[in-house]
């Protein structure tokens, strides 16, 4: 299991500022996307998930010269960069259609479709308004048969806070943490 420091809100804002300066469009996804929708950092995160236009992927190495590419086996679904401090950014290359929907090609050649309205979320990280995928799209992304306790915590808080119904697999806490988790910790109690 990869041990890395948490990607903090300050790290997220630095990464977004650099992408903005390079005029690379982005959408926050994953756990930071959930925290953006909640408007607060709810727990440590070991990476940042961002959707970016597939045509911009070749420019990422120039925007982040101190990062190196890792996890090449996940291309074209993911383009993963990590720096010497262990901060990781998982870029998910997408292609937009004429209606604002997006396609992401997976490793097996299948494509995941993201509807245009799912790409129009907004939230806050470190006091900054950010563009992210919607809560409904987050629910769809997390609707798989074997979630772990970290996913369960994320979905329960998101659904409770936004009055949404969690996917069926989240009816009961799984009672396990997936070994792929490095910095994931239980959600702080409120």
C-alpha atoms as a PDB file:
ATOM      1  CA  UNK A   1       0.000   0.000   0.000  1.00  0.00           C
ATOM      2  CA  UNK A   2       1.284   3.438  -0.960  1.00  0.00           C
ATOM      3  CA  UNK A   3       1.846   5.674   2.047  1.00  0.00           C
ATOM      4  CA  UNK A   4       1.556   9.346   1.233  1.00  0.00           C
ATOM      5  CA  UNK A   5       0.764  12.554   3.018  1.00  0.00           C
ATOM      6  CA  UNK A   6      -2.680  13.972   2.696  1.00  0.00           C
ATOM      7  CA  UNK A   7      -3.452  16.322  -0.157  1.00  0.00           C
ATOM      8  CA  UNK A   8      -4.596  19.383   1.773  1.00  0.00           C
ATOM      9  CA  UNK A   9      -7.027  22.118   0.801  1.00  0.00           C
ATOM     10  CA  UNK A  10      -4.019  24.403   0.239  1.00  0.00           C
ATOM     11  CA  UNK A  11      -2.559  21.792  -2.149  1.00  0.00           C
ATOM     12  CA  UNK A  12      -5.862  21.578  -4.024  1.00  0.00           C
ATOM     13  CA  UNK A  13      -5.997  25.358  -4.438  1.00  0.00           C
ATOM     14  CA  UNK A  14      -2.371  25.468  -5.644  1.00  0.00           C
ATOM     15  CA  UNK A  15      -3.079  22.757  -8.231  1.00  0.00           C
ATOM     16  CA  UNK A  16      -6.247  24.521  -9.431  1.00  0.00           C
ATOM     17  CA  UNK A  17      -4.417  27.867  -9.689  1.00  0.00           C
ATOM     18  CA  UNK A  18      -1.744  26.260 -11.854  1.00  0.00           C
ATOM     19  CA  UNK A  19      -4.345  24.659 -14.110  1.00  0.00           C
ATOM     20  CA  UNK A  20      -6.183  27.986 -14.388  1.00  0.00           C
ATOM     21  CA  UNK A  21      -2.943  29.779 -15.306  1.00  0.00           C
ATOM     22  CA  UNK A  22      -2.403  27.189 -18.063  1.00  0.00           C
ATOM     23  CA  UNK A  23      -6.037  27.574 -19.192  1.00  0.00           C
ATOM     24  CA  UNK A  24      -6.804  23.922 -18.571  1.00  0.00           C
ATOM     25  CA  UNK A  25     -10.445  23.295 -17.741  1.00  0.00           C
ATOM     26  CA  UNK A  26     -11.093  21.007 -14.752  1.00  0.00           C
ATOM     27  CA  UNK A  27     -13.879  19.460 -12.668  1.00  0.00           C
ATOM     28  CA  UNK A  28     -13.246  18.147  -9.153  1.00  0.00           C
ATOM     29  CA  UNK A  29     -14.403  14.569  -8.559  1.00  0.00           C
ATOM     30  CA  UNK A  30     -13.858  11.859  -5.975  1.00  0.00           C
ATOM     31  CA  UNK A  31     -13.527  12.545  -2.284  1.00  0.00           C
ATOM     32  CA  UNK A  32     -12.446  16.173  -2.711  1.00  0.00           C
ATOM     33  CA  UNK A  33     -15.486  16.584  -4.956  1.00  0.00           C
ATOM     34  CA  UNK A  34     -17.671  15.357  -2.106  1.00  0.00           C
ATOM     35  CA  UNK A  35     -15.992  17.757   0.314  1.00  0.00           C
ATOM     36  CA  UNK A  36     -16.468  20.599  -2.189  1.00  0.00           C
ATOM     37  CA  UNK A  37     -20.192  19.829  -2.275  1.00  0.00           C
ATOM     38  CA  UNK A  38     -20.232  19.757   1.543  1.00  0.00           C
ATOM     39  CA  UNK A  39     -18.274  23.031   1.659  1.00  0.00           C
ATOM     40  CA  UNK A  40     -15.724  21.699   4.132  1.00  0.00           C
ATOM     41  CA  UNK A  41     -12.772  19.354   4.418  1.00  0.00           C
ATOM     42  CA  UNK A  42     -14.269  16.404   6.253  1.00  0.00           C
ATOM     43  CA  UNK A  43     -11.236  14.103   6.443  1.00  0.00           C
ATOM     44  CA  UNK A  44      -7.699  13.705   5.052  1.00  0.00           C
ATOM     45  CA  UNK A  45      -7.427  12.755   1.371  1.00  0.00           C
ATOM     46  CA  UNK A  46      -4.471  10.959  -0.176  1.00  0.00           C
ATOM     47  CA  UNK A  47      -5.106  12.290  -3.684  1.00  0.00           C
ATOM     48  CA  UNK A  48      -7.077  14.745  -5.784  1.00  0.00           C
ATOM     49  CA  UNK A  49      -9.322  13.480  -8.596  1.00  0.00           C
ATOM     50  CA  UNK A  50      -9.892  15.873 -11.490  1.00  0.00           C
ATOM     51  CA  UNK A  51     -11.614  15.461 -14.828  1.00  0.00           C
ATOM     52  CA  UNK A  52      -9.736  17.326 -17.578  1.00  0.00           C
ATOM     53  CA  UNK A  53     -10.144  17.457 -21.314  1.00  0.00           C
ATOM     54  CA  UNK A  54      -8.260  14.617 -22.971  1.00  0.00           C
ATOM     55  CA  UNK A  55      -6.697  17.113 -25.385  1.00  0.00           C
ATOM     56  CA  UNK A  56      -5.004  18.859 -22.439  1.00  0.00           C
ATOM     57  CA  UNK A  57      -3.346  15.761 -20.943  1.00  0.00           C
ATOM     58  CA  UNK A  58      -0.108  16.267 -22.908  1.00  0.00           C
ATOM     59  CA  UNK A  59       0.267  19.711 -21.320  1.00  0.00           C
ATOM     60  CA  UNK A  60       0.055  18.479 -17.709  1.00  0.00           C
ATOM     61  CA  UNK A  61       3.757  17.578 -17.488  1.00  0.00           C
ATOM     62  CA  UNK A  62       4.630  21.201 -18.312  1.00  0.00           C
ATOM     63  CA  UNK A  63       2.173  22.556 -15.737  1.00  0.00           C
ATOM     64  CA  UNK A  64       3.529  20.225 -13.040  1.00  0.00           C
ATOM     65  CA  UNK A  65       7.238  19.708 -13.887  1.00  0.00           C
ATOM     66  CA  UNK A  66       8.099  18.502 -10.357  1.00  0.00           C
ATOM     67  CA  UNK A  67       5.531  15.703 -10.621  1.00  0.00           C
ATOM     68  CA  UNK A  68       6.217  12.398 -12.356  1.00  0.00           C
ATOM     69  CA  UNK A  69       3.815  10.078 -14.066  1.00  0.00           C
ATOM     70  CA  UNK A  70       2.845   6.880 -12.229  1.00  0.00           C
ATOM     71  CA  UNK A  71       0.261   4.134 -12.793  1.00  0.00           C
ATOM     72  CA  UNK A  72       0.611   3.957 -16.582  1.00  0.00           C
ATOM     73  CA  UNK A  73      -1.492   0.772 -16.642  1.00  0.00           C
ATOM     74  CA  UNK A  74      -4.653   2.823 -16.036  1.00  0.00           C
ATOM     75  CA  UNK A  75      -4.368   4.844 -19.283  1.00  0.00           C
ATOM     76  CA  UNK A  76      -6.642   6.044 -20.904  1.00  0.00           C
ATOM     77  CA  UNK A  77      -8.959   6.084 -17.865  1.00  0.00           C
ATOM     78  CA  UNK A  78      -6.467   7.909 -15.644  1.00  0.00           C
ATOM     79  CA  UNK A  79      -3.316   9.980 -15.997  1.00  0.00           C
ATOM     80  CA  UNK A  80      -1.686   9.973 -12.560  1.00  0.00           C
ATOM     81  CA  UNK A  81       1.008  12.395 -11.398  1.00  0.00           C
ATOM     82  CA  UNK A  82       2.852  12.324  -8.046  1.00  0.00           C
ATOM     83  CA  UNK A  83       5.475  14.675  -6.648  1.00  0.00           C
ATOM     84  CA  UNK A  84       8.427  13.987  -4.338  1.00  0.00           C
ATOM     85  CA  UNK A  85       6.265  14.911  -1.327  1.00  0.00           C
ATOM     86  CA  UNK A  86       3.851  12.090  -2.248  1.00  0.00           C
ATOM     87  CA  UNK A  87       0.999  14.362  -3.349  1.00  0.00           C
ATOM     88  CA  UNK A  88      -0.976  12.598  -6.062  1.00  0.00           C
ATOM     89  CA  UNK A  89      -3.327  13.964  -8.705  1.00  0.00           C
ATOM     90  CA  UNK A  90      -5.489  11.507 -10.641  1.00  0.00           C
ATOM     91  CA  UNK A  91      -6.541  13.178 -13.880  1.00  0.00           C
ATOM     92  CA  UNK A  92      -9.513  11.565 -15.613  1.00  0.00           C
ATOM     93  CA  UNK A  93      -9.341  12.459 -19.330  1.00  0.00           C
ATOM     94  CA  UNK A  94     -12.730  13.264 -20.841  1.00  0.00           C
ATOM     95  CA  UNK A  95     -14.073  14.330 -24.211  1.00  0.00           C
ATOM     96  CA  UNK A  96     -17.028  16.724 -24.194  1.00  0.00           C
ATOM     97  CA  UNK A  97     -19.873  16.300 -26.651  1.00  0.00           C
ATOM     98  CA  UNK A  98     -21.866  19.091 -28.305  1.00  0.00           C
ATOM     99  CA  UNK A  99     -24.379  19.067 -25.426  1.00  0.00           C
ATOM    100  CA  UNK A 100     -21.815  19.400 -22.615  1.00  0.00           C
ATOM    101  CA  UNK A 101     -21.874  15.737 -21.661  1.00  0.00           C
ATOM    102  CA  UNK A 102     -18.547  13.937 -21.315  1.00  0.00           C
ATOM    103  CA  UNK A 103     -17.115  10.543 -22.225  1.00  0.00           C
ATOM    104  CA  UNK A 104     -14.260   8.907 -20.347  1.00  0.00           C
ATOM    105  CA  UNK A 105     -12.571   5.953 -21.993  1.00  0.00           C
ATOM    106  CA  UNK A 106     -11.739   3.076 -19.665  1.00  0.00           C
ATOM    107  CA  UNK A 107      -8.803   0.672 -19.848  1.00  0.00           C
ATOM    108  CA  UNK A 108     -10.940  -2.038 -21.439  1.00  0.00           C
ATOM    109  CA  UNK A 109     -12.113   0.312 -24.209  1.00  0.00           C
ATOM    110  CA  UNK A 110     -15.557   0.883 -22.713  1.00  0.00           C
ATOM    111  CA  UNK A 111     -16.677   4.460 -22.157  1.00  0.00           C
ATOM    112  CA  UNK A 112     -18.360   6.054 -19.175  1.00  0.00           C
ATOM    113  CA  UNK A 113     -20.839   8.790 -20.037  1.00  0.00           C
ATOM    114  CA  UNK A 114     -21.312  11.797 -17.789  1.00  0.00           C
ATOM    115  CA  UNK A 115     -24.458  13.800 -18.550  1.00  0.00           C
ATOM    116  CA  UNK A 116     -24.090  17.550 -19.060  1.00  0.00           C
ATOM    117  CA  UNK A 117     -26.097  18.377 -15.940  1.00  0.00           C
ATOM    118  CA  UNK A 118     -23.752  16.163 -13.886  1.00  0.00           C
ATOM    119  CA  UNK A 119     -20.800  18.330 -14.909  1.00  0.00           C
ATOM    120  CA  UNK A 120     -22.382  21.514 -13.549  1.00  0.00           C
ATOM    121  CA  UNK A 121     -21.800  21.137  -9.829  1.00  0.00           C
ATOM    122  CA  UNK A 122     -20.248  23.782  -7.667  1.00  0.00           C
ATOM    123  CA  UNK A 123     -18.844  23.806  -4.179  1.00  0.00           C
ATOM    124  CA  UNK A 124     -16.220  25.351  -1.937  1.00  0.00           C
ATOM    125  CA  UNK A 125     -12.711  24.341  -0.946  1.00  0.00           C
ATOM    126  CA  UNK A 126     -10.631  26.522   1.335  1.00  0.00           C
ATOM    127  CA  UNK A 127     -13.052  29.406   0.857  1.00  0.00           C
ATOM    128  CA  UNK A 128     -12.831  29.261  -2.950  1.00  0.00           C
ATOM    129  CA  UNK A 129     -15.787  28.421  -5.142  1.00  0.00           C
ATOM    130  CA  UNK A 130     -14.879  25.464  -7.341  1.00  0.00           C
ATOM    131  CA  UNK A 131     -16.392  23.566 -10.240  1.00  0.00           C
ATOM    132  CA  UNK A 132     -17.144  19.929  -9.465  1.00  0.00           C
ATOM    133  CA  UNK A 133     -19.411  17.123 -10.526  1.00  0.00           C
ATOM    134  CA  UNK A 134     -22.868  17.151  -8.940  1.00  0.00           C
ATOM    135  CA  UNK A 135     -23.938  15.143  -5.918  1.00  0.00           C
ATOM    136  CA  UNK A 136     -26.142  13.032  -8.187  1.00  0.00           C
ATOM    137  CA  UNK A 137     -23.153  12.134 -10.384  1.00  0.00           C
ATOM    138  CA  UNK A 138     -21.088  11.380  -7.273  1.00  0.00           C
ATOM    139  CA  UNK A 139     -23.826   8.934  -6.231  1.00  0.00           C
ATOM    140  CA  UNK A 140     -23.694   7.298  -9.655  1.00  0.00           C
ATOM    141  CA  UNK A 141     -19.879   7.040  -9.509  1.00  0.00           C
ATOM    142  CA  UNK A 142     -20.112   5.393  -6.078  1.00  0.00           C
ATOM    143  CA  UNK A 143     -22.883   2.947  -7.005  1.00  0.00           C
ATOM    144  CA  UNK A 144     -20.882  -0.271  -7.080  1.00  0.00           C
ATOM    145  CA  UNK A 145     -21.462  -3.537  -5.225  1.00  0.00           C
ATOM    146  CA  UNK A 146     -18.515  -3.587  -2.794  1.00  0.00           C
ATOM    147  CA  UNK A 147     -17.957  -0.186  -1.128  1.00  0.00           C
ATOM    148  CA  UNK A 148     -15.742   0.065   1.932  1.00  0.00           C
ATOM    149  CA  UNK A 149     -16.216   2.065   5.135  1.00  0.00           C
ATOM    150  CA  UNK A 150     -14.579   5.187   3.648  1.00  0.00           C
ATOM    151  CA  UNK A 151     -17.000   5.194   0.708  1.00  0.00           C
ATOM    152  CA  UNK A 152     -19.863   4.452   3.110  1.00  0.00           C
ATOM    153  CA  UNK A 153     -18.952   7.416   5.324  1.00  0.00           C
ATOM    154  CA  UNK A 154     -18.626   9.724   2.304  1.00  0.00           C
ATOM    155  CA  UNK A 155     -21.961   8.707   0.803  1.00  0.00           C
ATOM    156  CA  UNK A 156     -23.857   8.756   4.107  1.00  0.00           C
ATOM    157  CA  UNK A 157     -22.696  12.288   4.957  1.00  0.00           C
ATOM    158  CA  UNK A 158     -23.355  13.561   1.427  1.00  0.00           C
ATOM    159  CA  UNK A 159     -26.830  12.014   1.337  1.00  0.00           C
ATOM    160  CA  UNK A 160     -27.767  13.153   4.835  1.00  0.00           C
ATOM    161  CA  UNK A 161     -26.566  16.704   4.234  1.00  0.00           C
ATOM    162  CA  UNK A 162     -28.210  17.055   0.812  1.00  0.00           C
ATOM    163  CA  UNK A 163     -31.313  14.926   1.482  1.00  0.00           C
ATOM    164  CA  UNK A 164     -30.437  12.299  -1.149  1.00  0.00           C
ATOM    165  CA  UNK A 165     -30.989   8.546  -1.148  1.00  0.00           C
ATOM    166  CA  UNK A 166     -27.764   6.516  -1.030  1.00  0.00           C
ATOM    167  CA  UNK A 167     -27.233   3.642  -3.477  1.00  0.00           C
ATOM    168  CA  UNK A 168     -28.526   0.239  -2.336  1.00  0.00           C
ATOM    169  CA  UNK A 169     -25.023  -1.072  -1.501  1.00  0.00           C
ATOM    170  CA  UNK A 170     -24.820   1.579   1.240  1.00  0.00           C
ATOM    171  CA  UNK A 171     -27.724   0.250   3.321  1.00  0.00           C
ATOM    172  CA  UNK A 172     -25.296  -1.302   5.817  1.00  0.00           C
ATOM    173  CA  UNK A 173     -21.775  -0.287   6.867  1.00  0.00           C
ATOM    174  CA  UNK A 174     -19.371  -2.796   5.218  1.00  0.00           C
ATOM    175  CA  UNK A 175     -17.011  -3.071   8.203  1.00  0.00           C
ATOM    176  CA  UNK A 176     -13.794  -3.020   6.171  1.00  0.00           C
ATOM    177  CA  UNK A 177     -11.288  -0.625   4.630  1.00  0.00           C
ATOM    178  CA  UNK A 178     -10.043  -1.420   1.127  1.00  0.00           C
ATOM    179  CA  UNK A 179      -6.256  -2.028   1.188  1.00  0.00           C
ATOM    180  CA  UNK A 180      -5.805   0.582  -1.592  1.00  0.00           C
ATOM    181  CA  UNK A 181      -6.575   3.288   0.971  1.00  0.00           C
ATOM    182  CA  UNK A 182      -3.468   5.043   2.271  1.00  0.00           C
ATOM    183  CA  UNK A 183      -4.488   8.184   4.153  1.00  0.00           C
ATOM    184  CA  UNK A 184      -8.202   7.537   4.472  1.00  0.00           C
ATOM    185  CA  UNK A 185      -9.405   7.900   8.027  1.00  0.00           C
ATOM    186  CA  UNK A 186     -12.885   7.800   9.518  1.00  0.00           C
ATOM    187  CA  UNK A 187     -14.912  10.942   9.143  1.00  0.00           C
ATOM    188  CA  UNK A 188     -14.757  13.300  12.098  1.00  0.00           C
ATOM    189  CA  UNK A 189     -17.850  13.105  14.231  1.00  0.00           C
ATOM    190  CA  UNK A 190     -19.992  16.230  14.307  1.00  0.00           C
END
